């Protein structure tokens, strides 16, 4: 088992850039047991203890670095080549063992990890294993980069993520975390719903410079149409389940967004911040590729 001082030194070297993600992962899984095999355990921490969070029943994870396969997981490692981005791991229903193994397998292929709808206890355990992981508690996501990047390496393209109300922020955060995983730097603008239309107007000059906009709204879902009437780019509408009884847990804003009279508004599923962010990232990728192609031709 990897001792705590060794783990702390490896984590420090990783943060300082002396170890890349593959070297760090190998250290986590290369501790030799008394039988000469290869094993590793979650390192004890003040918050988790030696066996993880006792309240949630999360146990210490023991993996073999020589065996990254599992009958419970069949990761699509070719998806990045086909679709531009690796498989995203949907957290609910997966054990901590599943999540750790999925993350390790993706990182071993130098593919960035994004896990959505992850529980807080599982996220803490993953962050303990991978100190460079970024856990957004509001979004319920965790990101782990296979290759560390600086903010200067963010892809070109301007994208804004808007919320109608503060209650919509968790879904908007999921969209934004997805965009960051894809390499983009979204601008978040909150609480600009139609009940106070002047709040949106001061942001219109910026929005008119965007390549794509994600608008997250509950209640009657009117904000995407209003935004769409001000801009010449795609507006991806994300309905949320935030609203009163006749709102039907997001069905009303979804139908309103599908029936938007603004021709540039397209809608995704209820509370699907990931899908809204992912489609926005694909649009940005295509726009960037088109610009690069024209510049190369010139």
Protein backbone atom coordinates (compact mmCIF):
# COMPACT_ATOMS: atom_id res chain seq x y z
CA UNK A 1 0.00 0.00 0.00
CA UNK A 2 1.23 3.49 -0.84
CA UNK A 3 2.16 5.28 2.38
CA UNK A 4 0.74 8.69 3.16
CA UNK A 5 4.14 10.52 3.04
CA UNK A 6 4.89 8.97 -0.36
CA UNK A 7 1.47 10.00 -1.63
CA UNK A 8 1.94 13.56 -0.37
CA UNK A 9 5.33 13.83 -2.07
CA UNK A 10 3.92 12.44 -5.35
CA UNK A 11 0.99 14.86 -5.19
CA UNK A 12 3.36 17.78 -4.58
CA UNK A 13 5.54 16.75 -7.53
CA UNK A 14 2.43 16.38 -9.71
CA UNK A 15 1.20 19.88 -8.85
CA UNK A 16 4.69 21.25 -9.54
CA UNK A 17 4.73 19.64 -12.98
CA UNK A 18 7.53 17.20 -12.14
CA UNK A 19 5.20 14.25 -12.84
CA UNK A 20 2.68 13.92 -15.65
CA UNK A 21 -0.68 12.22 -15.15
CA UNK A 22 0.56 8.84 -16.36
CA UNK A 23 3.56 8.86 -14.04
CA UNK A 24 1.36 9.88 -11.13
CA UNK A 25 -1.20 7.16 -11.95
CA UNK A 26 1.52 4.52 -12.12
CA UNK A 27 2.75 5.56 -8.67
CA UNK A 28 -0.77 5.23 -7.28
CA UNK A 29 -1.10 1.69 -8.58
CA UNK A 30 2.47 0.39 -8.43
CA UNK A 31 2.71 -0.43 -4.72
CA UNK A 32 3.78 -4.08 -4.42
CA UNK A 33 2.03 -6.22 -1.82
CA UNK A 34 3.61 -8.93 0.30
CA UNK A 35 2.75 -11.59 -2.30
CA UNK A 36 4.61 -9.77 -5.03
CA UNK A 37 1.42 -8.66 -6.74
CA UNK A 38 0.40 -5.14 -7.60
CA UNK A 39 -2.25 -3.36 -5.60
CA UNK A 40 -3.29 0.01 -4.31
CA UNK A 41 -5.74 1.45 -1.82
CA UNK A 42 -7.37 4.80 -1.37
CA UNK A 43 -4.99 6.76 0.83
CA UNK A 44 -6.40 7.74 4.18
CA UNK A 45 -7.38 11.37 4.59
CA UNK A 46 -8.73 13.35 7.54
CA UNK A 47 -12.07 13.75 5.75
CA UNK A 48 -12.54 10.23 4.39
CA UNK A 49 -10.62 7.95 6.73
CA UNK A 50 -8.90 4.76 5.63
CA UNK A 51 -12.07 3.17 4.26
CA UNK A 52 -13.74 6.17 2.68
CA UNK A 53 -16.89 7.88 3.90
CA UNK A 54 -18.53 5.56 6.42
CA UNK A 55 -21.91 7.28 6.24
CA UNK A 56 -22.31 6.53 2.53
CA UNK A 57 -20.84 3.05 2.71
CA UNK A 58 -18.05 3.91 0.26
CA UNK A 59 -15.27 1.38 0.86
CA UNK A 60 -11.58 1.50 0.16
CA UNK A 61 -10.88 0.68 -3.47
CA UNK A 62 -8.35 -1.96 -4.43
CA UNK A 63 -7.40 -2.07 -8.11
CA UNK A 64 -4.75 -3.87 -10.11
CA UNK A 65 -2.74 -1.77 -12.54
CA UNK A 66 -2.33 -4.86 -14.69
CA UNK A 67 -6.10 -5.29 -15.06
CA UNK A 68 -8.06 -2.26 -16.21
CA UNK A 69 -10.96 -4.29 -17.58
CA UNK A 70 -14.19 -5.08 -15.77
CA UNK A 71 -17.31 -7.08 -16.61
CA UNK A 72 -19.28 -4.02 -15.43
CA UNK A 73 -17.53 -1.56 -17.76
CA UNK A 74 -17.01 -1.57 -21.51
CA UNK A 75 -15.62 1.88 -22.27
CA UNK A 76 -15.77 3.21 -25.81
CA UNK A 77 -12.12 4.21 -26.12
CA UNK A 78 -12.48 4.90 -29.85
CA UNK A 79 -15.14 7.57 -29.36
CA UNK A 80 -12.62 10.41 -29.26
CA UNK A 81 -11.39 9.44 -32.72
CA UNK A 82 -14.92 9.14 -34.13
CA UNK A 83 -16.69 11.97 -32.36
CA UNK A 84 -13.92 14.35 -31.31
CA UNK A 85 -14.23 13.79 -27.55
CA UNK A 86 -13.91 10.80 -25.20
CA UNK A 87 -16.78 8.98 -23.56
CA UNK A 88 -18.35 10.90 -20.68
CA UNK A 89 -19.11 8.89 -17.54
CA UNK A 90 -22.65 9.23 -16.16
CA UNK A 91 -22.27 8.85 -12.41
CA UNK A 92 -25.61 7.56 -11.06
CA UNK A 93 -25.81 3.80 -10.61
CA UNK A 94 -22.05 3.31 -10.67
CA UNK A 95 -20.07 2.25 -7.63
CA UNK A 96 -16.93 4.04 -6.51
CA UNK A 97 -14.96 1.09 -7.89
CA UNK A 98 -16.63 1.61 -11.28
CA UNK A 99 -15.88 5.32 -11.31
CA UNK A 100 -12.25 4.92 -10.29
CA UNK A 101 -11.68 2.19 -12.85
CA UNK A 102 -13.34 4.21 -15.62
CA UNK A 103 -11.21 7.25 -14.80
CA UNK A 104 -8.02 5.21 -14.67
CA UNK A 105 -8.80 3.51 -17.98
CA UNK A 106 -9.46 6.80 -19.78
CA UNK A 107 -6.35 8.45 -18.34
CA UNK A 108 -4.22 5.46 -19.34
CA UNK A 109 -5.28 6.25 -22.93
CA UNK A 110 -4.47 9.95 -22.40
CA UNK A 111 -8.15 10.86 -22.60
CA UNK A 112 -9.58 13.60 -20.39
CA UNK A 113 -12.18 12.48 -17.85
CA UNK A 114 -15.58 14.06 -17.28
CA UNK A 115 -17.99 12.44 -14.82
CA UNK A 116 -21.46 13.97 -14.51
CA UNK A 117 -24.10 13.71 -11.77
CA UNK A 118 -21.53 12.33 -9.35
CA UNK A 119 -22.27 12.13 -5.63
CA UNK A 120 -20.21 14.27 -3.29
CA UNK A 121 -18.66 11.34 -1.43
CA UNK A 122 -17.57 9.63 -4.65
CA UNK A 123 -16.18 12.91 -5.97
CA UNK A 124 -14.12 13.40 -2.80
CA UNK A 125 -12.69 9.90 -3.15
CA UNK A 126 -11.73 10.56 -6.78
CA UNK A 127 -10.17 13.90 -5.85
CA UNK A 128 -8.17 12.10 -3.17
CA UNK A 129 -6.82 9.71 -5.77
CA UNK A 130 -6.24 12.43 -8.39
CA UNK A 131 -5.19 15.70 -6.71
CA UNK A 132 -5.46 17.69 -9.94
CA UNK A 133 -9.12 16.74 -10.38
CA UNK A 134 -11.61 19.61 -10.49
CA UNK A 135 -14.79 18.93 -8.55
CA UNK A 136 -17.69 21.32 -9.12
CA UNK A 137 -20.09 20.49 -6.32
CA UNK A 138 -22.88 22.66 -7.70
CA UNK A 139 -22.65 21.06 -11.15
CA UNK A 140 -22.13 17.58 -9.65
CA UNK A 141 -19.22 17.02 -12.02
CA UNK A 142 -15.57 16.10 -11.75
CA UNK A 143 -12.94 16.69 -14.44
CA UNK A 144 -9.49 15.12 -14.65
CA UNK A 145 -7.13 16.23 -17.40
CA UNK A 146 -4.81 13.63 -18.92
CA UNK A 147 -2.42 16.46 -19.81
CA UNK A 148 -2.30 19.55 -17.65
CA UNK A 149 -3.10 22.79 -19.48
CA UNK A 150 -2.86 26.48 -18.69
CA UNK A 151 -5.66 28.98 -19.13
CA UNK A 152 -3.72 30.37 -22.10
CA UNK A 153 -4.32 27.06 -23.90
CA UNK A 154 -8.10 27.55 -23.98
CA UNK A 155 -9.52 27.07 -27.47
CA UNK A 156 -10.72 30.08 -29.41
CA UNK A 157 -14.43 30.76 -29.62
CA UNK A 158 -16.77 32.89 -27.56
CA UNK A 159 -19.57 31.16 -25.64
CA UNK A 160 -21.87 32.49 -22.95
CA UNK A 161 -23.98 30.49 -20.51
CA UNK A 162 -26.99 32.39 -19.15
CA UNK A 163 -29.45 31.61 -16.38
CA UNK A 164 -32.93 33.04 -16.01
CA UNK A 165 -32.76 32.70 -12.23
CA UNK A 166 -30.27 31.79 -9.53
CA UNK A 167 -32.02 28.45 -9.05
CA UNK A 168 -30.96 27.45 -12.57
CA UNK A 169 -27.25 27.79 -11.76
CA UNK A 170 -26.52 24.09 -11.04
CA UNK A 171 -27.65 23.08 -14.56
CA UNK A 172 -25.75 26.02 -16.06
CA UNK A 173 -22.65 24.96 -14.12
CA UNK A 174 -22.95 21.48 -15.63
CA UNK A 175 -23.02 23.06 -19.11
CA UNK A 176 -20.02 25.24 -18.27
CA UNK A 177 -18.00 22.34 -16.83
CA UNK A 178 -18.70 20.38 -20.01
CA UNK A 179 -17.41 23.27 -22.11
CA UNK A 180 -14.28 23.54 -19.96
CA UNK A 181 -13.69 19.79 -20.40
CA UNK A 182 -13.95 20.39 -24.15
CA UNK A 183 -11.30 23.11 -23.89
CA UNK A 184 -13.40 26.28 -23.98
CA UNK A 185 -13.72 29.15 -21.52
CA UNK A 186 -17.41 30.04 -21.10
CA UNK A 187 -18.64 33.34 -19.71
CA UNK A 188 -21.43 32.87 -17.18
CA UNK A 189 -24.18 35.47 -16.82
CA UNK A 190 -26.74 34.84 -14.07
CA UNK A 191 -30.23 35.96 -13.09
CA UNK A 192 -31.31 37.80 -16.24
CA UNK A 193 -34.83 36.37 -16.59
CA UNK A 194 -37.69 38.08 -18.41
CA UNK A 195 -39.34 39.36 -15.23
CA UNK A 196 -36.65 42.05 -15.21
CA UNK A 197 -35.83 42.55 -18.91
CA UNK A 198 -33.45 45.45 -18.30
CA UNK A 199 -31.04 43.00 -16.65
CA UNK A 200 -30.45 41.23 -19.96
CA UNK A 201 -30.16 44.35 -22.10
CA UNK A 202 -26.87 45.50 -20.64
CA UNK A 203 -25.29 42.19 -21.72
CA UNK A 204 -26.60 42.28 -25.30
CA UNK A 205 -23.50 43.96 -26.82
CA UNK A 206 -21.36 41.10 -25.49
CA UNK A 207 -23.85 38.42 -26.49
CA UNK A 208 -23.90 39.74 -30.06
CA UNK A 209 -20.19 38.88 -30.29
CA UNK A 210 -20.70 35.27 -29.20
CA UNK A 211 -20.41 32.26 -31.48
CA UNK A 212 -22.99 30.28 -29.51
CA UNK A 213 -25.07 30.88 -26.37
CA UNK A 214 -26.51 28.41 -23.86
CA UNK A 215 -29.61 29.67 -22.04
CA UNK A 216 -30.83 27.80 -18.96
CA UNK A 217 -34.34 28.61 -17.74
CA UNK A 218 -37.22 27.15 -15.76
CA UNK A 219 -40.69 28.54 -15.06
CA UNK A 220 -42.26 29.35 -18.47
CA UNK A 221 -38.90 29.16 -20.28
CA UNK A 222 -39.18 32.44 -22.18
CA UNK A 223 -35.58 33.66 -21.89
CA UNK A 224 -34.06 31.74 -24.86
CA UNK A 225 -36.56 33.33 -27.26
CA UNK A 226 -35.74 36.79 -25.95
CA UNK A 227 -32.02 36.15 -26.29
CA UNK A 228 -32.52 34.64 -29.75
CA UNK A 229 -34.18 37.83 -30.94
CA UNK A 230 -31.03 39.83 -30.14
CA UNK A 231 -28.27 37.70 -31.65
CA UNK A 232 -27.15 36.08 -34.92
CA UNK A 233 -25.73 32.87 -33.44
CA UNK A 234 -27.25 29.56 -32.31
CA UNK A 235 -29.02 29.68 -28.94
CA UNK A 236 -29.18 26.34 -27.13
CA UNK A 237 -32.12 26.32 -24.73
CA UNK A 238 -31.92 24.14 -21.62
CA UNK A 239 -35.21 23.83 -19.68
CA UNK A 240 -34.98 23.13 -15.97
CA UNK A 241 -37.33 21.40 -13.57
CA UNK A 242 -37.55 24.57 -11.47
CA UNK A 243 -41.08 25.91 -11.26
CA UNK A 244 -44.53 25.67 -9.69
CA UNK A 245 -47.11 22.90 -10.11
CA UNK A 246 -48.41 23.63 -13.61
CA UNK A 247 -44.81 23.81 -14.73
CA UNK A 248 -44.86 19.95 -14.73
CA UNK A 249 -41.22 19.46 -13.66
CA UNK A 250 -39.82 21.19 -16.74
CA UNK A 251 -42.29 20.10 -19.40
CA UNK A 252 -43.76 23.59 -19.80
CA UNK A 253 -40.43 25.35 -20.53
CA UNK A 254 -39.36 22.46 -22.77
CA UNK A 255 -42.48 22.82 -24.92
CA UNK A 256 -42.10 26.60 -24.93
CA UNK A 257 -38.50 26.33 -26.12
CA UNK A 258 -39.41 23.77 -28.80
CA UNK A 259 -42.11 26.17 -30.03
CA UNK A 260 -39.93 29.29 -29.90
CA UNK A 261 -40.64 31.78 -32.65
CA UNK A 262 -36.94 32.74 -32.64
CA UNK A 263 -35.54 30.66 -35.51
CA UNK A 264 -32.07 30.32 -33.98
CA UNK A 265 -33.27 28.61 -30.77
CA UNK A 266 -32.86 24.85 -30.39
CA UNK A 267 -33.80 22.90 -27.25
CA UNK A 268 -32.33 19.96 -25.37
CA UNK A 269 -33.84 17.79 -22.66
CA UNK A 270 -34.99 18.92 -19.22
CA UNK A 271 -32.09 19.64 -16.83
CA UNK A 272 -29.62 18.49 -19.50
CA UNK A 273 -26.84 20.96 -18.87
CA UNK A 274 -24.31 18.45 -20.18
CA UNK A 275 -26.06 18.11 -23.53
CA UNK A 276 -26.45 21.88 -23.90
CA UNK A 277 -22.77 22.45 -23.17
CA UNK A 278 -21.63 19.59 -25.40
CA UNK A 279 -23.60 20.75 -28.43
CA UNK A 280 -22.31 24.28 -27.90
CA UNK A 281 -18.75 22.92 -27.84
CA UNK A 282 -19.28 21.04 -31.09
CA UNK A 283 -20.57 24.21 -32.75
CA UNK A 284 -17.50 26.10 -31.52
CA UNK A 285 -15.23 23.35 -32.82
CA UNK A 286 -16.76 23.49 -36.29
CA UNK A 287 -16.62 27.28 -36.37
CA UNK A 288 -12.95 27.21 -35.32
CA UNK A 289 -12.14 24.54 -37.93
CA UNK A 290 -13.84 26.61 -40.64
CA UNK A 291 -11.85 29.74 -39.71
CA UNK A 292 -8.59 27.81 -39.56
CA UNK A 293 -9.30 26.26 -42.96
CA UNK A 294 -9.93 29.67 -44.54
CA UNK A 295 -6.78 31.10 -42.96
CA UNK A 296 -4.72 28.18 -44.29
CA UNK A 297 -6.18 28.68 -47.77
CA UNK A 298 -5.22 32.37 -47.68
